Amino acid sequence: MDKRMSNKGFTLIEMCVVLMFVSLLSLIPFKRLLIFTNAKETMNDLISTQYAAVKTHTKQSIDLQSHNQTVTFNAKGNISQATRIEFHQQKIQLTLMLATGRIYIRRIESD
């Protein structure tokens, strides 16, 4: 009996509790990453459309159906109207600057 008790180690329950704790901790940064996914996909679509306008020297449009907006880039990659696209669930806002064609992403402040 003494021989068995001298073998120090972890029980299956202890290992499962530690594994569950580590798993929960690993989900925290992953959830934060998922928040930006939809906004970054929209931003990448806008940048691709802007690049296509500059490359082909033609006017290019992208229809953002989820936001009921259409963004049009001229041949120089600029937009004719400044636009804000908000992702309310993720509290993120994309801002398209007039005349420069720059696109900014920022977190919306909660009230």
PDB file of N, CA and C in Angstrom:
ATOM      1  N   MET A   1       0.812  -1.189   0.000  1.00  0.00           N
ATOM      2  CA  MET A   1       0.000   0.000   0.000  1.00  0.00           C
ATOM      3  C   MET A   1       0.859   1.259   0.000  1.00  0.00           C
ATOM      4  N   ASP A   2       1.982   1.225   0.744  1.00  0.00           N
ATOM      5  CA  ASP A   2       2.864   2.378   0.780  1.00  0.00           C
ATOM      6  C   ASP A   2       3.479   2.638  -0.579  1.00  0.00           C
ATOM      7  N   LYS A   3       3.718   1.587  -1.316  1.00  0.00           N
ATOM      8  CA  LYS A   3       4.315   1.730  -2.640  1.00  0.00           C
ATOM      9  C   LYS A   3       3.369   2.493  -3.574  1.00  0.00           C
ATOM     10  N   ARG A   4       2.080   2.213  -3.499  1.00  0.00           N
ATOM     11  CA  ARG A   4       1.111   2.902  -4.339  1.00  0.00           C
ATOM     12  C   ARG A   4       0.979   4.369  -3.962  1.00  0.00           C
ATOM     13  N   MET A   5       0.940   4.676  -2.711  1.00  0.00           N
ATOM     14  CA  MET A   5       0.772   6.051  -2.246  1.00  0.00           C
ATOM     15  C   MET A   5       2.024   6.893  -2.515  1.00  0.00           C
ATOM     16  N   SER A   6       3.174   6.265  -2.650  1.00  0.00           N
ATOM     17  CA  SER A   6       4.387   7.039  -2.894  1.00  0.00           C
ATOM     18  C   SER A   6       4.475   7.523  -4.342  1.00  0.00           C
ATOM     19  N   ASN A   7       3.703   6.935  -5.243  1.00  0.00           N
ATOM     20  CA  ASN A   7       3.675   7.397  -6.633  1.00  0.00           C
ATOM     21  C   ASN A   7       2.827   8.659  -6.720  1.00  0.00           C
ATOM     22  N   LYS A   8       3.494   9.784  -6.686  1.00  0.00           N
ATOM     23  CA  LYS A   8       2.788  11.060  -6.763  1.00  0.00           C
ATOM     24  C   LYS A   8       2.436  11.337  -8.214  1.00  0.00           C
ATOM     25  N   GLY A   9       1.235  11.803  -8.439  1.00  0.00           N
ATOM     26  CA  GLY A   9       0.796  12.117  -9.791  1.00  0.00           C
ATOM     27  C   GLY A   9      -0.557  12.796  -9.752  1.00  0.00           C
ATOM     28  N   PHE A  10      -1.069  13.097 -10.915  1.00  0.00           N
ATOM     29  CA  PHE A  10      -2.357  13.770 -11.015  1.00  0.00           C
ATOM     30  C   PHE A  10      -3.446  12.759 -11.336  1.00  0.00           C
ATOM     31  N   THR A  11      -4.606  12.977 -10.762  1.00  0.00           N
ATOM     32  CA  THR A  11      -5.739  12.109 -11.064  1.00  0.00           C
ATOM     33  C   THR A  11      -6.377  12.582 -12.373  1.00  0.00           C
ATOM     34  N   LEU A  12      -7.225  11.745 -12.919  1.00  0.00           N
ATOM     35  CA  LEU A  12      -7.918  12.080 -14.154  1.00  0.00           C
ATOM     36  C   LEU A  12      -8.800  13.317 -13.972  1.00  0.00           C
ATOM     37  N   ILE A  13      -9.443  13.438 -12.848  1.00  0.00           N
ATOM     38  CA  ILE A  13     -10.304  14.592 -12.555  1.00  0.00           C
ATOM     39  C   ILE A  13      -9.478  15.873 -12.542  1.00  0.00           C
ATOM     40  N   GLU A  14      -8.335  15.845 -11.874  1.00  0.00           N
ATOM     41  CA  GLU A  14      -7.481  17.033 -11.812  1.00  0.00           C
ATOM     42  C   GLU A  14      -7.013  17.443 -13.209  1.00  0.00           C
ATOM     43  N   MET A  15      -6.647  16.485 -14.005  1.00  0.00           N
ATOM     44  CA  MET A  15      -6.188  16.792 -15.360  1.00  0.00           C
ATOM     45  C   MET A  15      -7.322  17.368 -16.207  1.00  0.00           C
ATOM     46  N   CYS A  16      -8.541  16.838 -16.050  1.00  0.00           N
ATOM     47  CA  CYS A  16      -9.687  17.357 -16.802  1.00  0.00           C
ATOM     48  C   CYS A  16     -10.021  18.790 -16.399  1.00  0.00           C
ATOM     49  N   VAL A  17      -9.937  19.098 -15.110  1.00  0.00           N
ATOM     50  CA  VAL A  17     -10.209  20.457 -14.628  1.00  0.00           C
ATOM     51  C   VAL A  17      -9.179  21.433 -15.200  1.00  0.00           C
ATOM     52  N   VAL A  18      -7.927  21.071 -15.185  1.00  0.00           N
ATOM     53  CA  VAL A  18      -6.879  21.935 -15.737  1.00  0.00           C
ATOM     54  C   VAL A  18      -7.061  22.109 -17.242  1.00  0.00           C
ATOM     55  N   LEU A  19      -7.378  21.047 -17.946  1.00  0.00           N
ATOM     56  CA  LEU A  19      -7.603  21.123 -19.384  1.00  0.00           C
ATOM     57  C   LEU A  19      -8.785  22.032 -19.712  1.00  0.00           C
ATOM     58  N   MET A  20      -9.865  21.935 -18.931  1.00  0.00           N
ATOM     59  CA  MET A  20     -11.030  22.794 -19.144  1.00  0.00           C
ATOM     60  C   MET A  20     -10.657  24.262 -18.901  1.00  0.00           C
ATOM     61  N   PHE A  21      -9.896  24.525 -17.861  1.00  0.00           N
ATOM     62  CA  PHE A  21      -9.486  25.890 -17.546  1.00  0.00           C
ATOM     63  C   PHE A  21      -8.615  26.476 -18.658  1.00  0.00           C
ATOM     64  N   VAL A  22      -7.676  25.728 -19.153  1.00  0.00           N
ATOM     65  CA  VAL A  22      -6.805  26.190 -20.243  1.00  0.00           C
ATOM     66  C   VAL A  22      -7.624  26.422 -21.516  1.00  0.00           C
ATOM     67  N   SER A  23      -8.580  25.555 -21.774  1.00  0.00           N
ATOM     68  CA  SER A  23      -9.429  25.712 -22.962  1.00  0.00           C
ATOM     69  C   SER A  23     -10.240  26.994 -22.890  1.00  0.00           C
ATOM     70  N   LEU A  24     -10.801  27.283 -21.729  1.00  0.00           N
ATOM     71  CA  LEU A  24     -11.583  28.507 -21.573  1.00  0.00           C
ATOM     72  C   LEU A  24     -10.713  29.754 -21.728  1.00  0.00           C
ATOM     73  N   LEU A  25      -9.502  29.707 -21.202  1.00  0.00           N
ATOM     74  CA  LEU A  25      -8.598  30.845 -21.344  1.00  0.00           C
ATOM     75  C   LEU A  25      -8.182  31.069 -22.802  1.00  0.00           C
ATOM     76  N   SER A  26      -8.068  29.992 -23.551  1.00  0.00           N
ATOM     77  CA  SER A  26      -7.656  30.132 -24.952  1.00  0.00           C
ATOM     78  C   SER A  26      -8.772  30.703 -25.820  1.00  0.00           C
ATOM     79  N   LEU A  27     -10.028  30.609 -25.388  1.00  0.00           N
ATOM     80  CA  LEU A  27     -11.143  31.131 -26.172  1.00  0.00           C
ATOM     81  C   LEU A  27     -11.256  32.649 -26.100  1.00  0.00           C
ATOM     82  N   ILE A  28     -10.736  33.268 -25.076  1.00  0.00           N
ATOM     83  CA  ILE A  28     -10.870  34.715 -24.902  1.00  0.00           C
ATOM     84  C   ILE A  28     -10.239  35.486 -26.059  1.00  0.00           C
ATOM     85  N   PRO A  29      -8.976  35.268 -26.426  1.00  0.00           N
ATOM     86  CA  PRO A  29      -8.422  36.013 -27.566  1.00  0.00           C
ATOM     87  C   PRO A  29      -9.082  35.619 -28.887  1.00  0.00           C
ATOM     88  N   PHE A  30      -9.515  34.380 -29.018  1.00  0.00           N
ATOM     89  CA  PHE A  30     -10.134  33.923 -30.255  1.00  0.00           C
ATOM     90  C   PHE A  30     -11.460  34.627 -30.488  1.00  0.00           C
ATOM     91  N   LYS A  31     -12.238  34.848 -29.427  1.00  0.00           N
ATOM     92  CA  LYS A  31     -13.508  35.561 -29.568  1.00  0.00           C
ATOM     93  C   LYS A  31     -13.267  36.997 -30.015  1.00  0.00           C
ATOM     94  N   ARG A  32     -12.252  37.635 -29.496  1.00  0.00           N
ATOM     95  CA  ARG A  32     -11.927  39.007 -29.886  1.00  0.00           C
ATOM     96  C   ARG A  32     -11.532  39.066 -31.368  1.00  0.00           C
ATOM     97  N   LEU A  33     -10.857  38.058 -31.835  1.00  0.00           N
ATOM     98  CA  LEU A  33     -10.467  37.989 -33.239  1.00  0.00           C
ATOM     99  C   LEU A  33     -11.691  37.856 -34.137  1.00  0.00           C
ATOM    100  N   LEU A  34     -12.673  37.084 -33.722  1.00  0.00           N
ATOM    101  CA  LEU A  34     -13.885  36.890 -34.516  1.00  0.00           C
ATOM    102  C   LEU A  34     -14.702  38.166 -34.646  1.00  0.00           C
ATOM    103  N   ILE A  35     -14.597  39.077 -33.689  1.00  0.00           N
ATOM    104  CA  ILE A  35     -15.357  40.322 -33.724  1.00  0.00           C
ATOM    105  C   ILE A  35     -14.997  41.140 -34.955  1.00  0.00           C
ATOM    106  N   PHE A  36     -13.740  41.186 -35.321  1.00  0.00           N
ATOM    107  CA  PHE A  36     -13.288  42.012 -36.432  1.00  0.00           C
ATOM    108  C   PHE A  36     -13.431  41.334 -37.796  1.00  0.00           C
ATOM    109  N   THR A  37     -13.776  40.065 -37.828  1.00  0.00           N
ATOM    110  CA  THR A  37     -13.782  39.321 -39.084  1.00  0.00           C
ATOM    111  C   THR A  37     -14.703  39.925 -40.123  1.00  0.00           C
ATOM    112  N   ASN A  38     -15.952  40.198 -39.777  1.00  0.00           N
ATOM    113  CA  ASN A  38     -16.916  40.733 -40.735  1.00  0.00           C
ATOM    114  C   ASN A  38     -16.500  42.118 -41.237  1.00  0.00           C
ATOM    115  N   ALA A  39     -16.048  42.972 -40.339  1.00  0.00           N
ATOM    116  CA  ALA A  39     -15.618  44.312 -40.734  1.00  0.00           C
ATOM    117  C   ALA A  39     -14.375  44.249 -41.626  1.00  0.00           C
ATOM    118  N   LYS A  40     -13.456  43.359 -41.308  1.00  0.00           N
ATOM    119  CA  LYS A  40     -12.242  43.249 -42.127  1.00  0.00           C
ATOM    120  C   LYS A  40     -12.545  42.670 -43.499  1.00  0.00           C
ATOM    121  N   GLU A  41     -13.507  41.754 -43.586  1.00  0.00           N
ATOM    122  CA  GLU A  41     -13.893  41.228 -44.896  1.00  0.00           C
ATOM    123  C   GLU A  41     -14.472  42.338 -45.769  1.00  0.00           C
ATOM    124  N   THR A  42     -15.331  43.173 -45.178  1.00  0.00           N
ATOM    125  CA  THR A  42     -15.900  44.304 -45.916  1.00  0.00           C
ATOM    126  C   THR A  42     -14.805  45.270 -46.326  1.00  0.00           C
ATOM    127  N   MET A  43     -13.873  45.534 -45.435  1.00  0.00           N
ATOM    128  CA  MET A  43     -12.766  46.433 -45.739  1.00  0.00           C
ATOM    129  C   MET A  43     -11.906  45.869 -46.870  1.00  0.00           C
ATOM    130  N   ASN A  44     -11.641  44.580 -46.852  1.00  0.00           N
ATOM    131  CA  ASN A  44     -10.859  43.958 -47.923  1.00  0.00           C
ATOM    132  C   ASN A  44     -11.596  44.033 -49.258  1.00  0.00           C
ATOM    133  N   ASP A  45     -12.925  43.863 -49.239  1.00  0.00           N
ATOM    134  CA  ASP A  45     -13.711  44.003 -50.471  1.00  0.00           C
ATOM    135  C   ASP A  45     -13.623  45.424 -51.018  1.00  0.00           C
ATOM    136  N   LEU A  46     -13.679  46.404 -50.129  1.00  0.00           N
ATOM    137  CA  LEU A  46     -13.574  47.802 -50.553  1.00  0.00           C
ATOM    138  C   LEU A  46     -12.199  48.092 -51.154  1.00  0.00           C
ATOM    139  N   ILE A  47     -11.169  47.595 -50.514  1.00  0.00           N
ATOM    140  CA  ILE A  47      -9.806  47.825 -51.008  1.00  0.00           C
ATOM    141  C   ILE A  47      -9.599  47.138 -52.356  1.00  0.00           C
ATOM    142  N   SER A  48     -10.151  45.945 -52.521  1.00  0.00           N
ATOM    143  CA  SER A  48     -10.033  45.235 -53.803  1.00  0.00           C
ATOM    144  C   SER A  48     -10.737  46.000 -54.926  1.00  0.00           C
ATOM    145  N   THR A  49     -11.910  46.537 -54.609  1.00  0.00           N
ATOM    146  CA  THR A  49     -12.644  47.322 -55.601  1.00  0.00           C
ATOM    147  C   THR A  49     -11.890  48.601 -55.939  1.00  0.00           C
ATOM    148  N   GLN A  50     -11.319  49.233 -54.942  1.00  0.00           N
ATOM    149  CA  GLN A  50     -10.530  50.447 -55.163  1.00  0.00           C
ATOM    150  C   GLN A  50      -9.312  50.142 -56.041  1.00  0.00           C
ATOM    151  N   TYR A  51      -8.649  49.044 -55.755  1.00  0.00           N
ATOM    152  CA  TYR A  51      -7.489  48.640 -56.545  1.00  0.00           C
ATOM    153  C   TYR A  51      -7.884  48.357 -57.991  1.00  0.00           C
ATOM    154  N   ALA A  52      -9.029  47.696 -58.188  1.00  0.00           N
ATOM    155  CA  ALA A  52      -9.501  47.401 -59.542  1.00  0.00           C
ATOM    156  C   ALA A  52      -9.792  48.694 -60.306  1.00  0.00           C
ATOM    157  N   ALA A  53     -10.328  49.697 -59.631  1.00  0.00           N
ATOM    158  CA  ALA A  53     -10.610  50.978 -60.276  1.00  0.00           C
ATOM    159  C   ALA A  53      -9.322  51.654 -60.734  1.00  0.00           C
ATOM    160  N   VAL A  54      -8.310  51.625 -59.884  1.00  0.00           N
ATOM    161  CA  VAL A  54      -7.028  52.254 -60.233  1.00  0.00           C
ATOM    162  C   VAL A  54      -6.328  51.471 -61.342  1.00  0.00           C
ATOM    163  N   LYS A  55      -6.357  50.163 -61.248  1.00  0.00           N
ATOM    164  CA  LYS A  55      -5.648  49.325 -62.217  1.00  0.00           C
ATOM    165  C   LYS A  55      -6.263  49.421 -63.616  1.00  0.00           C
ATOM    166  N   THR A  56      -7.596  49.432 -63.680  1.00  0.00           N
ATOM    167  CA  THR A  56      -8.258  49.453 -64.992  1.00  0.00           C
ATOM    168  C   THR A  56      -8.585  50.857 -65.488  1.00  0.00           C
ATOM    169  N   HIS A  57      -8.347  51.862 -64.650  1.00  0.00           N
ATOM    170  CA  HIS A  57      -8.657  53.258 -64.982  1.00  0.00           C
ATOM    171  C   HIS A  57     -10.122  53.439 -65.344  1.00  0.00           C
ATOM    172  N   THR A  58     -10.990  52.726 -64.628  1.00  0.00           N
ATOM    173  CA  THR A  58     -12.433  52.846 -64.837  1.00  0.00           C
ATOM    174  C   THR A  58     -13.130  52.977 -63.489  1.00  0.00           C
ATOM    175  N   LYS A  59     -14.355  53.452 -63.546  1.00  0.00           N
ATOM    176  CA  LYS A  59     -15.172  53.567 -62.345  1.00  0.00           C
ATOM    177  C   LYS A  59     -15.618  52.174 -61.909  1.00  0.00           C
ATOM    178  N   GLN A  60     -15.463  51.882 -60.633  1.00  0.00           N
ATOM    179  CA  GLN A  60     -15.846  50.578 -60.082  1.00  0.00           C
ATOM    180  C   GLN A  60     -16.776  50.796 -58.894  1.00  0.00           C
ATOM    181  N   SER A  61     -17.800  49.954 -58.780  1.00  0.00           N
ATOM    182  CA  SER A  61     -18.748  50.052 -57.672  1.00  0.00           C
ATOM    183  C   SER A  61     -18.819  48.731 -56.920  1.00  0.00           C
ATOM    184  N   ILE A  62     -19.129  48.849 -55.650  1.00  0.00           N
ATOM    185  CA  ILE A  62     -19.362  47.672 -54.826  1.00  0.00           C
ATOM    186  C   ILE A  62     -20.667  47.897 -54.073  1.00  0.00           C
ATOM    187  N   ASP A  63     -21.537  46.895 -54.101  1.00  0.00           N
ATOM    188  CA  ASP A  63     -22.832  46.972 -53.439  1.00  0.00           C
ATOM    189  C   ASP A  63     -22.736  46.247 -52.109  1.00  0.00           C
ATOM    190  N   LEU A  64     -22.877  46.989 -51.033  1.00  0.00           N
ATOM    191  CA  LEU A  64     -22.842  46.410 -49.694  1.00  0.00           C
ATOM    192  C   LEU A  64     -24.280  46.154 -49.271  1.00  0.00           C
ATOM    193  N   GLN A  65     -24.799  44.999 -49.638  1.00  0.00           N
ATOM    194  CA  GLN A  65     -26.209  44.686 -49.416  1.00  0.00           C
ATOM    195  C   GLN A  65     -26.567  44.644 -47.943  1.00  0.00           C
ATOM    196  N   SER A  66     -25.663  44.197 -47.114  1.00  0.00           N
ATOM    197  CA  SER A  66     -25.968  44.102 -45.686  1.00  0.00           C
ATOM    198  C   SER A  66     -26.135  45.478 -45.034  1.00  0.00           C
ATOM    199  N   HIS A  67     -25.617  46.532 -45.700  1.00  0.00           N
ATOM    200  CA  HIS A  67     -25.719  47.892 -45.163  1.00  0.00           C
ATOM    201  C   HIS A  67     -26.546  48.805 -46.063  1.00  0.00           C
ATOM    202  N   ASN A  68     -27.131  48.257 -47.114  1.00  0.00           N
ATOM    203  CA  ASN A  68     -27.938  49.023 -48.069  1.00  0.00           C
ATOM    204  C   ASN A  68     -27.180  50.239 -48.606  1.00  0.00           C
ATOM    205  N   GLN A  69     -25.930  50.038 -48.964  1.00  0.00           N
ATOM    206  CA  GLN A  69     -25.102  51.114 -49.493  1.00  0.00           C
ATOM    207  C   GLN A  69     -24.342  50.626 -50.721  1.00  0.00           C
ATOM    208  N   THR A  70     -24.094  51.560 -51.621  1.00  0.00           N
ATOM    209  CA  THR A  70     -23.238  51.295 -52.762  1.00  0.00           C
ATOM    210  C   THR A  70     -22.096  52.294 -52.710  1.00  0.00           C
ATOM    211  N   VAL A  71     -20.886  51.805 -52.826  1.00  0.00           N
ATOM    212  CA  VAL A  71     -19.698  52.662 -52.817  1.00  0.00           C
ATOM    213  C   VAL A  71     -19.090  52.612 -54.208  1.00  0.00           C
ATOM    214  N   THR A  72     -18.828  53.796 -54.770  1.00  0.00           N
ATOM    215  CA  THR A  72     -18.270  53.893 -56.116  1.00  0.00           C
ATOM    216  C   THR A  72     -16.909  54.581 -56.055  1.00  0.00           C
ATOM    217  N   PHE A  73     -15.922  53.945 -56.658  1.00  0.00           N
ATOM    218  CA  PHE A  73     -14.577  54.501 -56.751  1.00  0.00           C
ATOM    219  C   PHE A  73     -14.358  54.991 -58.175  1.00  0.00           C
ATOM    220  N   ASN A  74     -13.770  56.198 -58.335  1.00  0.00           N
ATOM    221  CA  ASN A  74     -13.462  56.679 -59.684  1.00  0.00           C
ATOM    222  C   ASN A  74     -12.148  56.062 -60.165  1.00  0.00           C
ATOM    223  N   ALA A  75     -11.699  56.464 -61.342  1.00  0.00           N
ATOM    224  CA  ALA A  75     -10.513  55.867 -61.951  1.00  0.00           C
ATOM    225  C   ALA A  75      -9.237  56.090 -61.139  1.00  0.00           C
ATOM    226  N   LYS A  76      -9.241  57.107 -60.265  1.00  0.00           N
ATOM    227  CA  LYS A  76      -8.067  57.379 -59.431  1.00  0.00           C
ATOM    228  C   LYS A  76      -8.152  56.693 -58.071  1.00  0.00           C
ATOM    229  N   GLY A  77      -9.239  55.968 -57.818  1.00  0.00           N
ATOM    230  CA  GLY A  77      -9.386  55.263 -56.555  1.00  0.00           C
ATOM    231  C   GLY A  77     -10.029  56.077 -55.459  1.00  0.00           C
ATOM    232  N   ASN A  78     -10.551  57.252 -55.802  1.00  0.00           N
ATOM    233  CA  ASN A  78     -11.223  58.100 -54.823  1.00  0.00           C
ATOM    234  C   ASN A  78     -12.723  57.864 -54.874  1.00  0.00           C
ATOM    235  N   ILE A  79     -13.399  58.207 -53.792  1.00  0.00           N
ATOM    236  CA  ILE A  79     -14.847  58.080 -53.771  1.00  0.00           C
ATOM    237  C   ILE A  79     -15.468  59.465 -53.928  1.00  0.00           C
ATOM    238  N   SER A  80     -16.698  59.491 -54.408  1.00  0.00           N
ATOM    239  CA  SER A  80     -17.353  60.777 -54.640  1.00  0.00           C
ATOM    240  C   SER A  80     -18.135  61.252 -53.423  1.00  0.00           C
ATOM    241  N   GLN A  81     -18.337  60.385 -52.456  1.00  0.00           N
ATOM    242  CA  GLN A  81     -19.105  60.742 -51.270  1.00  0.00           C
ATOM    243  C   GLN A  81     -18.513  60.032 -50.062  1.00  0.00           C
ATOM    244  N   ALA A  82     -18.212  60.795 -49.022  1.00  0.00           N
ATOM    245  CA  ALA A  82     -17.688  60.186 -47.797  1.00  0.00           C
ATOM    246  C   ALA A  82     -18.746  59.260 -47.210  1.00  0.00           C
ATOM    247  N   THR A  83     -18.308  58.151 -46.684  1.00  0.00           N
ATOM    248  CA  THR A  83     -19.248  57.132 -46.214  1.00  0.00           C
ATOM    249  C   THR A  83     -18.785  56.541 -44.893  1.00  0.00           C
ATOM    250  N   ARG A  84     -19.767  56.220 -44.050  1.00  0.00           N
ATOM    251  CA  ARG A  84     -19.496  55.483 -42.816  1.00  0.00           C
ATOM    252  C   ARG A  84     -20.315  54.209 -42.856  1.00  0.00           C
ATOM    253  N   ILE A  85     -19.663  53.116 -42.531  1.00  0.00           N
ATOM    254  CA  ILE A  85     -20.322  51.820 -42.466  1.00  0.00           C
ATOM    255  C   ILE A  85     -20.172  51.320 -41.040  1.00  0.00           C
ATOM    256  N   GLU A  86     -21.295  51.083 -40.387  1.00  0.00           N
ATOM    257  CA  GLU A  86     -21.253  50.678 -38.983  1.00  0.00           C
ATOM    258  C   GLU A  86     -21.679  49.224 -38.825  1.00  0.00           C
ATOM    259  N   PHE A  87     -20.944  48.531 -37.995  1.00  0.00           N
ATOM    260  CA  PHE A  87     -21.253  47.163 -37.601  1.00  0.00           C
ATOM    261  C   PHE A  87     -21.665  47.233 -36.136  1.00  0.00           C
ATOM    262  N   HIS A  88     -22.960  47.407 -35.902  1.00  0.00           N
ATOM    263  CA  HIS A  88     -23.448  47.674 -34.550  1.00  0.00           C
ATOM    264  C   HIS A  88     -23.202  46.521 -33.584  1.00  0.00           C
ATOM    265  N   GLN A  89     -23.381  45.301 -34.036  1.00  0.00           N
ATOM    266  CA  GLN A  89     -23.188  44.174 -33.138  1.00  0.00           C
ATOM    267  C   GLN A  89     -21.741  44.084 -32.676  1.00  0.00           C
ATOM    268  N   GLN A  90     -20.820  44.431 -33.555  1.00  0.00           N
ATOM    269  CA  GLN A  90     -19.407  44.338 -33.213  1.00  0.00           C
ATOM    270  C   GLN A  90     -18.840  45.656 -32.711  1.00  0.00           C
ATOM    271  N   LYS A  91     -19.665  46.725 -32.742  1.00  0.00           N
ATOM    272  CA  LYS A  91     -19.259  48.059 -32.299  1.00  0.00           C
ATOM    273  C   LYS A  91     -18.017  48.535 -33.049  1.00  0.00           C
ATOM    274  N   ILE A  92     -18.073  48.387 -34.382  1.00  0.00           N
ATOM    275  CA  ILE A  92     -16.965  48.787 -35.237  1.00  0.00           C
ATOM    276  C   ILE A  92     -17.500  49.692 -36.332  1.00  0.00           C
ATOM    277  N   GLN A  93     -16.687  50.647 -36.759  1.00  0.00           N
ATOM    278  CA  GLN A  93     -17.089  51.581 -37.791  1.00  0.00           C
ATOM    279  C   GLN A  93     -15.984  51.698 -38.845  1.00  0.00           C
ATOM    280  N   LEU A  94     -16.367  51.580 -40.113  1.00  0.00           N
ATOM    281  CA  LEU A  94     -15.454  51.834 -41.219  1.00  0.00           C
ATOM    282  C   LEU A  94     -15.758  53.226 -41.752  1.00  0.00           C
ATOM    283  N   THR A  95     -14.734  54.037 -41.954  1.00  0.00           N
ATOM    284  CA  THR A  95     -14.913  55.380 -42.489  1.00  0.00           C
ATOM    285  C   THR A  95     -14.125  55.483 -43.783  1.00  0.00           C
ATOM    286  N   LEU A  96     -14.815  55.868 -44.864  1.00  0.00           N
ATOM    287  CA  LEU A  96     -14.178  56.069 -46.161  1.00  0.00           C
ATOM    288  C   LEU A  96     -14.037  57.564 -46.377  1.00  0.00           C
ATOM    289  N   MET A  97     -12.808  58.023 -46.516  1.00  0.00           N
ATOM    290  CA  MET A  97     -12.531  59.457 -46.608  1.00  0.00           C
ATOM    291  C   MET A  97     -12.696  59.963 -48.033  1.00  0.00           C
ATOM    292  N   LEU A  98     -13.299  61.117 -48.145  1.00  0.00           N
ATOM    293  CA  LEU A  98     -13.527  61.769 -49.426  1.00  0.00           C
ATOM    294  C   LEU A  98     -12.214  62.290 -49.995  1.00  0.00           C
ATOM    295  N   ALA A  99     -12.012  62.124 -51.286  1.00  0.00           N
ATOM    296  CA  ALA A  99     -10.876  62.637 -52.059  1.00  0.00           C
ATOM    297  C   ALA A  99      -9.563  61.895 -51.818  1.00  0.00           C
ATOM    298  N   THR A 100      -9.392  61.252 -50.680  1.00  0.00           N
ATOM    299  CA  THR A 100      -8.139  60.526 -50.448  1.00  0.00           C
ATOM    300  C   THR A 100      -8.288  59.044 -50.740  1.00  0.00           C
ATOM    301  N   GLY A 101      -9.500  58.524 -50.585  1.00  0.00           N
ATOM    302  CA  GLY A 101      -9.724  57.102 -50.808  1.00  0.00           C
ATOM    303  C   GLY A 101      -9.263  56.231 -49.659  1.00  0.00           C
ATOM    304  N   ARG A 102      -8.889  56.842 -48.551  1.00  0.00           N
ATOM    305  CA  ARG A 102      -8.427  56.065 -47.393  1.00  0.00           C
ATOM    306  C   ARG A 102      -9.606  55.463 -46.646  1.00  0.00           C
ATOM    307  N   ILE A 103      -9.363  54.297 -46.064  1.00  0.00           N
ATOM    308  CA  ILE A 103     -10.387  53.598 -45.307  1.00  0.00           C
ATOM    309  C   ILE A 103      -9.853  53.364 -43.898  1.00  0.00           C
ATOM    310  N   TYR A 104     -10.603  53.846 -42.912  1.00  0.00           N
ATOM    311  CA  TYR A 104     -10.205  53.695 -41.518  1.00  0.00           C
ATOM    312  C   TYR A 104     -11.171  52.768 -40.805  1.00  0.00           C
ATOM    313  N   ILE A 105     -10.640  51.983 -39.891  1.00  0.00           N
ATOM    314  CA  ILE A 105     -11.465  51.113 -39.049  1.00  0.00           C
ATOM    315  C   ILE A 105     -11.238  51.529 -37.606  1.00  0.00           C
ATOM    316  N   ARG A 106     -12.347  51.670 -36.864  1.00  0.00           N
ATOM    317  CA  ARG A 106     -12.216  52.047 -35.452  1.00  0.00           C
ATOM    318  C   ARG A 106     -13.349  51.440 -34.641  1.00  0.00           C
ATOM    319  N   ARG A 107     -13.117  51.325 -33.376  1.00  0.00           N
ATOM    320  CA  ARG A 107     -14.111  50.786 -32.440  1.00  0.00           C
ATOM    321  C   ARG A 107     -15.043  51.913 -32.017  1.00  0.00           C
ATOM    322  N   ILE A 108     -16.350  51.641 -31.986  1.00  0.00           N
ATOM    323  CA  ILE A 108     -17.336  52.628 -31.573  1.00  0.00           C
ATOM    324  C   ILE A 108     -17.378  52.658 -30.052  1.00  0.00           C
ATOM    325  N   GLU A 109     -17.322  53.869 -29.497  1.00  0.00           N
ATOM    326  CA  GLU A 109     -17.376  54.036 -28.054  1.00  0.00           C
ATOM    327  C   GLU A 109     -18.766  53.693 -27.547  1.00  0.00           C
ATOM    328  N   SER A 110     -18.858  52.965 -26.445  1.00  0.00           N
ATOM    329  CA  SER A 110     -20.174  52.672 -25.869  1.00  0.00           C
ATOM    330  C   SER A 110     -20.564  53.781 -24.922  1.00  0.00           C
ATOM    331  N   ASP A 111     -21.856  54.106 -24.945  1.00  0.00           N
ATOM    332  CA  ASP A 111     -22.361  55.211 -24.129  1.00  0.00           C
ATOM    333  C   ASP A 111     -22.583  54.826 -22.695  1.00  0.00           C
TER     334      ASP A 111
END
